[in-house]
Amino acid sequence: MKFSQKKGIWPGLLFVVLSFWLSTSCGYQLRGKASFWPPSLKKIYLPVFKNSTGRFQLDVRITEKVINELVARTGVMIVADQDKADGMIQGEILSFKVDPIMVSEGGSASKYKITVVASISFTDFINQTILFHDDNFTFVEEYEVPAGSDFETEETRAIERVAAKFARQLVINLVEGF
């Protein structure tokens, strides 16, 4: 084989590699760019979620985590007065359920599943539109209760994790338009 014959392979190979790279990366966006968040919404009114479950402090924990996640991802300001807001996020926690999903050799539950269902609405006051609405926003988390551990302590820790993950997923939906 002569050198001039080998030289002809490189442009073709380069073309194939670049074509593959461009076709696989088309449409890819980094998470958290806030491309669907209306730039006019800088002040958000976010009242404490209504708690229809009877689970103590669930509303406060979830609301706090949603505020933290929203501010971190979008940089919006949370305002206490609806009249000074550009938009509003309202939520109602419709159900909170803890189900055992694994039983230990001793016959007691060792793993549980928490399910939280909420109704969420995001309203743009400037354009008088509802940007997001979901009457069945559901989040599920599993947690274990090791032998000798206190069930209520483990459940409280799990609820903290659920609230944080619930908030993260909700804000992703609001910000990224999913």
C-alpha atoms as a PDB file:
ATOM      1  CA  MET A   1       0.000   0.000   0.000  1.00  0.00           C
ATOM      2  CA  LYS A   2       1.236   3.398  -0.876  1.00  0.00           C
ATOM      3  CA  PHE A   3       1.051   6.385   1.462  1.00  0.00           C
ATOM      4  CA  SER A   4      -1.205   8.293  -0.949  1.00  0.00           C
ATOM      5  CA  GLN A   5      -3.843   5.523  -0.710  1.00  0.00           C
ATOM      6  CA  LYS A   6      -3.886   5.704   3.132  1.00  0.00           C
ATOM      7  CA  LYS A   7      -4.336   9.472   2.999  1.00  0.00           C
ATOM      8  CA  GLY A   8      -7.712   9.038   1.255  1.00  0.00           C
ATOM      9  CA  ILE A   9      -9.175   7.143   4.258  1.00  0.00           C
ATOM     10  CA  TRP A  10      -8.830   9.982   6.779  1.00  0.00           C
ATOM     11  CA  PRO A  11     -11.274  12.489   5.257  1.00  0.00           C
ATOM     12  CA  GLY A  12     -13.942   9.772   4.949  1.00  0.00           C
ATOM     13  CA  LEU A  13     -13.349   8.514   8.482  1.00  0.00           C
ATOM     14  CA  LEU A  14     -13.426  12.067   9.837  1.00  0.00           C
ATOM     15  CA  PHE A  15     -16.723  12.673   8.016  1.00  0.00           C
ATOM     16  CA  VAL A  16     -18.293   9.520   9.504  1.00  0.00           C
ATOM     17  CA  VAL A  17     -17.126  10.343  13.047  1.00  0.00           C
ATOM     18  CA  LEU A  18     -18.342  13.963  12.844  1.00  0.00           C
ATOM     19  CA  SER A  19     -21.681  12.890  11.351  1.00  0.00           C
ATOM     20  CA  PHE A  20     -22.210  10.390  14.159  1.00  0.00           C
ATOM     21  CA  TRP A  21     -21.256  12.907  16.822  1.00  0.00           C
ATOM     22  CA  LEU A  22     -23.554  15.590  15.413  1.00  0.00           C
ATOM     23  CA  SER A  23     -26.500  13.211  15.052  1.00  0.00           C
ATOM     24  CA  THR A  24     -26.209  11.896  18.603  1.00  0.00           C
ATOM     25  CA  SER A  25     -25.755  15.303  20.203  1.00  0.00           C
ATOM     26  CA  CYS A  26     -28.545  17.061  18.329  1.00  0.00           C
ATOM     27  CA  GLY A  27     -31.039  18.621  20.728  1.00  0.00           C
ATOM     28  CA  TYR A  28     -29.052  17.874  23.864  1.00  0.00           C
ATOM     29  CA  GLN A  29     -29.275  20.529  26.559  1.00  0.00           C
ATOM     30  CA  LEU A  30     -27.697  20.743  29.957  1.00  0.00           C
ATOM     31  CA  ARG A  31     -30.084  20.456  32.846  1.00  0.00           C
ATOM     32  CA  GLY A  32     -30.950  23.599  34.751  1.00  0.00           C
ATOM     33  CA  LYS A  33     -30.673  26.112  31.913  1.00  0.00           C
ATOM     34  CA  ALA A  34     -34.189  27.313  32.699  1.00  0.00           C
ATOM     35  CA  SER A  35     -34.986  27.631  29.010  1.00  0.00           C
ATOM     36  CA  PHE A  36     -38.759  27.319  29.549  1.00  0.00           C
ATOM     37  CA  TRP A  37     -38.937  29.655  32.529  1.00  0.00           C
ATOM     38  CA  PRO A  38     -40.488  32.964  31.414  1.00  0.00           C
ATOM     39  CA  PRO A  39     -37.856  35.674  31.998  1.00  0.00           C
ATOM     40  CA  SER A  40     -40.556  38.115  33.107  1.00  0.00           C
ATOM     41  CA  LEU A  41     -41.310  36.002  36.209  1.00  0.00           C
ATOM     42  CA  LYS A  42     -38.863  37.321  38.775  1.00  0.00           C
ATOM     43  CA  LYS A  43     -41.080  37.437  41.886  1.00  0.00           C
ATOM     44  CA  ILE A  44     -43.075  34.373  42.845  1.00  0.00           C
ATOM     45  CA  TYR A  45     -45.718  34.027  45.515  1.00  0.00           C
ATOM     46  CA  LEU A  46     -45.605  30.527  46.968  1.00  0.00           C
ATOM     47  CA  PRO A  47     -47.951  29.996  49.922  1.00  0.00           C
ATOM     48  CA  VAL A  48     -47.510  26.965  52.178  1.00  0.00           C
ATOM     49  CA  PHE A  49     -48.959  23.934  50.425  1.00  0.00           C
ATOM     50  CA  LYS A  50     -52.359  22.894  51.739  1.00  0.00           C
ATOM     51  CA  ASN A  51     -52.094  19.613  53.622  1.00  0.00           C
ATOM     52  CA  SER A  52     -55.115  17.352  53.175  1.00  0.00           C
ATOM     53  CA  THR A  53     -53.305  14.300  54.565  1.00  0.00           C
ATOM     54  CA  GLY A  54     -53.179  14.869  58.304  1.00  0.00           C
ATOM     55  CA  ARG A  55     -49.426  14.058  58.289  1.00  0.00           C
ATOM     56  CA  PHE A  56     -47.892  16.579  60.661  1.00  0.00           C
ATOM     57  CA  GLN A  57     -45.542  19.167  59.089  1.00  0.00           C
ATOM     58  CA  LEU A  58     -45.541  17.536  55.632  1.00  0.00           C
ATOM     59  CA  ASP A  59     -46.848  20.755  54.080  1.00  0.00           C
ATOM     60  CA  VAL A  60     -44.150  22.882  55.719  1.00  0.00           C
ATOM     61  CA  ARG A  61     -41.315  20.520  54.754  1.00  0.00           C
ATOM     62  CA  ILE A  62     -42.363  20.235  51.126  1.00  0.00           C
ATOM     63  CA  THR A  63     -43.019  23.968  50.746  1.00  0.00           C
ATOM     64  CA  GLU A  64     -39.630  24.828  52.253  1.00  0.00           C
ATOM     65  CA  LYS A  65     -37.822  22.408  49.909  1.00  0.00           C
ATOM     66  CA  VAL A  66     -39.717  23.719  46.855  1.00  0.00           C
ATOM     67  CA  ILE A  67     -38.744  27.302  47.748  1.00  0.00           C
ATOM     68  CA  ASN A  68     -35.085  26.346  48.223  1.00  0.00           C
ATOM     69  CA  GLU A  69     -34.956  24.419  44.940  1.00  0.00           C
ATOM     70  CA  LEU A  70     -36.806  27.119  43.001  1.00  0.00           C
ATOM     71  CA  VAL A  71     -34.514  29.899  44.227  1.00  0.00           C
ATOM     72  CA  ALA A  72     -31.388  27.799  43.582  1.00  0.00           C
ATOM     73  CA  ARG A  73     -32.416  26.860  40.024  1.00  0.00           C
ATOM     74  CA  THR A  74     -34.058  30.052  38.789  1.00  0.00           C
ATOM     75  CA  GLY A  75     -32.821  32.857  41.027  1.00  0.00           C
ATOM     76  CA  VAL A  76     -36.382  34.129  41.504  1.00  0.00           C
ATOM     77  CA  MET A  77     -37.379  36.032  44.594  1.00  0.00           C
ATOM     78  CA  ILE A  78     -40.100  34.536  46.774  1.00  0.00           C
ATOM     79  CA  VAL A  79     -42.483  37.248  47.957  1.00  0.00           C
ATOM     80  CA  ALA A  80     -44.961  37.119  50.838  1.00  0.00           C
ATOM     81  CA  ASP A  81     -47.536  39.355  49.143  1.00  0.00           C
ATOM     82  CA  GLN A  82     -49.470  37.992  46.160  1.00  0.00           C
ATOM     83  CA  ASP A  83     -50.073  41.548  44.889  1.00  0.00           C
ATOM     84  CA  LYS A  84     -46.314  42.081  44.470  1.00  0.00           C
ATOM     85  CA  ALA A  85     -45.745  38.805  42.572  1.00  0.00           C
ATOM     86  CA  ASP A  86     -45.318  38.119  38.859  1.00  0.00           C
ATOM     87  CA  GLY A  87     -46.580  34.569  39.324  1.00  0.00           C
ATOM     88  CA  MET A  88     -47.793  32.043  41.855  1.00  0.00           C
ATOM     89  CA  ILE A  89     -47.176  28.390  42.599  1.00  0.00           C
ATOM     90  CA  GLN A  90     -49.903  26.701  44.624  1.00  0.00           C
ATOM     91  CA  GLY A  91     -49.938  23.172  45.896  1.00  0.00           C
ATOM     92  CA  GLU A  92     -52.153  20.850  47.835  1.00  0.00           C
ATOM     93  CA  ILE A  93     -50.872  17.562  49.214  1.00  0.00           C
ATOM     94  CA  LEU A  94     -53.734  15.210  48.468  1.00  0.00           C
ATOM     95  CA  SER A  95     -52.395  11.985  49.911  1.00  0.00           C
ATOM     96  CA  PHE A  96     -49.527  10.581  51.926  1.00  0.00           C
ATOM     97  CA  LYS A  97     -49.213   6.840  52.168  1.00  0.00           C
ATOM     98  CA  VAL A  98     -46.647   4.531  53.774  1.00  0.00           C
ATOM     99  CA  ASP A  99     -46.755   0.874  52.709  1.00  0.00           C
ATOM    100  CA  PRO A 100     -44.552  -1.996  53.878  1.00  0.00           C
ATOM    101  CA  ILE A 101     -42.872  -3.634  50.883  1.00  0.00           C
ATOM    102  CA  MET A 102     -40.391  -6.028  52.503  1.00  0.00           C
ATOM    103  CA  VAL A 103     -40.626  -8.201  55.576  1.00  0.00           C
ATOM    104  CA  SER A 104     -37.650  -9.346  57.651  1.00  0.00           C
ATOM    105  CA  GLU A 105     -37.058 -12.939  58.739  1.00  0.00           C
ATOM    106  CA  GLY A 106     -38.641 -12.057  62.092  1.00  0.00           C
ATOM    107  CA  GLY A 107     -41.902 -11.143  60.364  1.00  0.00           C
ATOM    108  CA  SER A 108     -41.745  -7.367  60.833  1.00  0.00           C
ATOM    109  CA  ALA A 109     -41.633  -4.862  57.979  1.00  0.00           C
ATOM    110  CA  SER A 110     -38.096  -3.789  57.144  1.00  0.00           C
ATOM    111  CA  LYS A 111     -38.633  -1.718  54.001  1.00  0.00           C
ATOM    112  CA  TYR A 112     -41.358   0.808  53.247  1.00  0.00           C
ATOM    113  CA  LYS A 113     -42.592   2.872  50.321  1.00  0.00           C
ATOM    114  CA  ILE A 114     -43.809   6.446  50.795  1.00  0.00           C
ATOM    115  CA  THR A 115     -46.146   7.842  48.147  1.00  0.00           C
ATOM    116  CA  VAL A 116     -47.027  11.541  48.043  1.00  0.00           C
ATOM    117  CA  VAL A 117     -49.662  12.833  45.628  1.00  0.00           C
ATOM    118  CA  ALA A 118     -50.220  16.550  45.140  1.00  0.00           C
ATOM    119  CA  SER A 119     -52.105  19.004  42.988  1.00  0.00           C
ATOM    120  CA  ILE A 120     -49.813  21.740  41.654  1.00  0.00           C
ATOM    121  CA  SER A 121     -50.595  24.900  39.708  1.00  0.00           C
ATOM    122  CA  PHE A 122     -48.209  27.548  38.366  1.00  0.00           C
ATOM    123  CA  THR A 123     -49.836  30.785  37.228  1.00  0.00           C
ATOM    124  CA  ASP A 124     -48.263  33.661  35.293  1.00  0.00           C
ATOM    125  CA  PHE A 125     -49.936  36.865  36.540  1.00  0.00           C
ATOM    126  CA  ILE A 126     -48.314  39.037  33.856  1.00  0.00           C
ATOM    127  CA  ASN A 127     -49.742  37.116  30.888  1.00  0.00           C
ATOM    128  CA  GLN A 128     -52.806  35.809  32.771  1.00  0.00           C
ATOM    129  CA  THR A 129     -52.006  32.173  31.912  1.00  0.00           C
ATOM    130  CA  ILE A 130     -51.560  28.869  33.701  1.00  0.00           C
ATOM    131  CA  LEU A 131     -48.091  27.623  32.822  1.00  0.00           C
ATOM    132  CA  PHE A 132     -48.292  24.281  34.616  1.00  0.00           C
ATOM    133  CA  HIS A 133     -51.058  22.271  36.206  1.00  0.00           C
ATOM    134  CA  ASP A 134     -51.011  18.699  37.489  1.00  0.00           C
ATOM    135  CA  ASP A 135     -53.736  17.276  39.725  1.00  0.00           C
ATOM    136  CA  ASN A 136     -51.820  14.021  40.154  1.00  0.00           C
ATOM    137  CA  PHE A 137     -48.183  14.963  40.747  1.00  0.00           C
ATOM    138  CA  THR A 138     -46.933  11.747  42.361  1.00  0.00           C
ATOM    139  CA  PHE A 139     -43.640  11.031  44.030  1.00  0.00           C
ATOM    140  CA  VAL A 140     -42.512   7.705  45.518  1.00  0.00           C
ATOM    141  CA  GLU A 141     -39.534   6.938  47.766  1.00  0.00           C
ATOM    142  CA  GLU A 142     -38.449   3.746  49.515  1.00  0.00           C
ATOM    143  CA  TYR A 143     -36.646   3.495  52.825  1.00  0.00           C
ATOM    144  CA  GLU A 144     -35.427   0.769  55.134  1.00  0.00           C
ATOM    145  CA  VAL A 145     -35.852   0.389  58.862  1.00  0.00           C
ATOM    146  CA  PRO A 146     -32.856  -1.639  60.076  1.00  0.00           C
ATOM    147  CA  ALA A 147     -33.424  -4.106  62.909  1.00  0.00           C
ATOM    148  CA  GLY A 148     -33.354  -2.304  66.251  1.00  0.00           C
ATOM    149  CA  SER A 149     -34.084   1.099  64.682  1.00  0.00           C
ATOM    150  CA  ASP A 150     -36.956   3.329  65.636  1.00  0.00           C
ATOM    151  CA  PHE A 151     -39.656   3.316  62.917  1.00  0.00           C
ATOM    152  CA  GLU A 152     -40.718   6.923  63.496  1.00  0.00           C
ATOM    153  CA  THR A 153     -37.134   8.246  63.347  1.00  0.00           C
ATOM    154  CA  GLU A 154     -36.506   6.429  60.065  1.00  0.00           C
ATOM    155  CA  GLU A 155     -39.831   7.617  58.660  1.00  0.00           C
ATOM    156  CA  THR A 156     -39.040  11.233  59.586  1.00  0.00           C
ATOM    157  CA  ARG A 157     -35.677  10.959  57.801  1.00  0.00           C
ATOM    158  CA  ALA A 158     -37.371   9.412  54.789  1.00  0.00           C
ATOM    159  CA  ILE A 159     -39.918  12.232  54.680  1.00  0.00           C
ATOM    160  CA  GLU A 160     -37.070  14.779  54.577  1.00  0.00           C
ATOM    161  CA  ARG A 161     -35.569  12.925  51.597  1.00  0.00           C
ATOM    162  CA  VAL A 162     -38.978  12.653  49.922  1.00  0.00           C
ATOM    163  CA  ALA A 163     -39.618  16.380  50.381  1.00  0.00           C
ATOM    164  CA  ALA A 164     -36.246  17.268  48.830  1.00  0.00           C
ATOM    165  CA  LYS A 165     -36.644  14.891  45.883  1.00  0.00           C
ATOM    166  CA  PHE A 166     -40.288  15.890  45.397  1.00  0.00           C
ATOM    167  CA  ALA A 167     -39.230  19.548  45.251  1.00  0.00           C
ATOM    168  CA  ARG A 168     -36.360  18.814  42.855  1.00  0.00           C
ATOM    169  CA  GLN A 169     -38.631  16.938  40.441  1.00  0.00           C
ATOM    170  CA  LEU A 170     -41.360  19.576  40.625  1.00  0.00           C
ATOM    171  CA  VAL A 171     -38.941  22.419  39.898  1.00  0.00           C
ATOM    172  CA  ILE A 172     -37.387  20.448  37.035  1.00  0.00           C
ATOM    173  CA  ASN A 173     -40.871  20.121  35.562  1.00  0.00           C
ATOM    174  CA  LEU A 174     -41.532  23.847  35.998  1.00  0.00           C
ATOM    175  CA  VAL A 175     -38.148  25.016  34.733  1.00  0.00           C
ATOM    176  CA  GLU A 176     -37.450  22.587  31.935  1.00  0.00           C
ATOM    177  CA  GLY A 177     -40.984  22.241  30.668  1.00  0.00           C
ATOM    178  CA  PHE A 178     -41.371  18.464  31.083  1.00  0.00           C
END
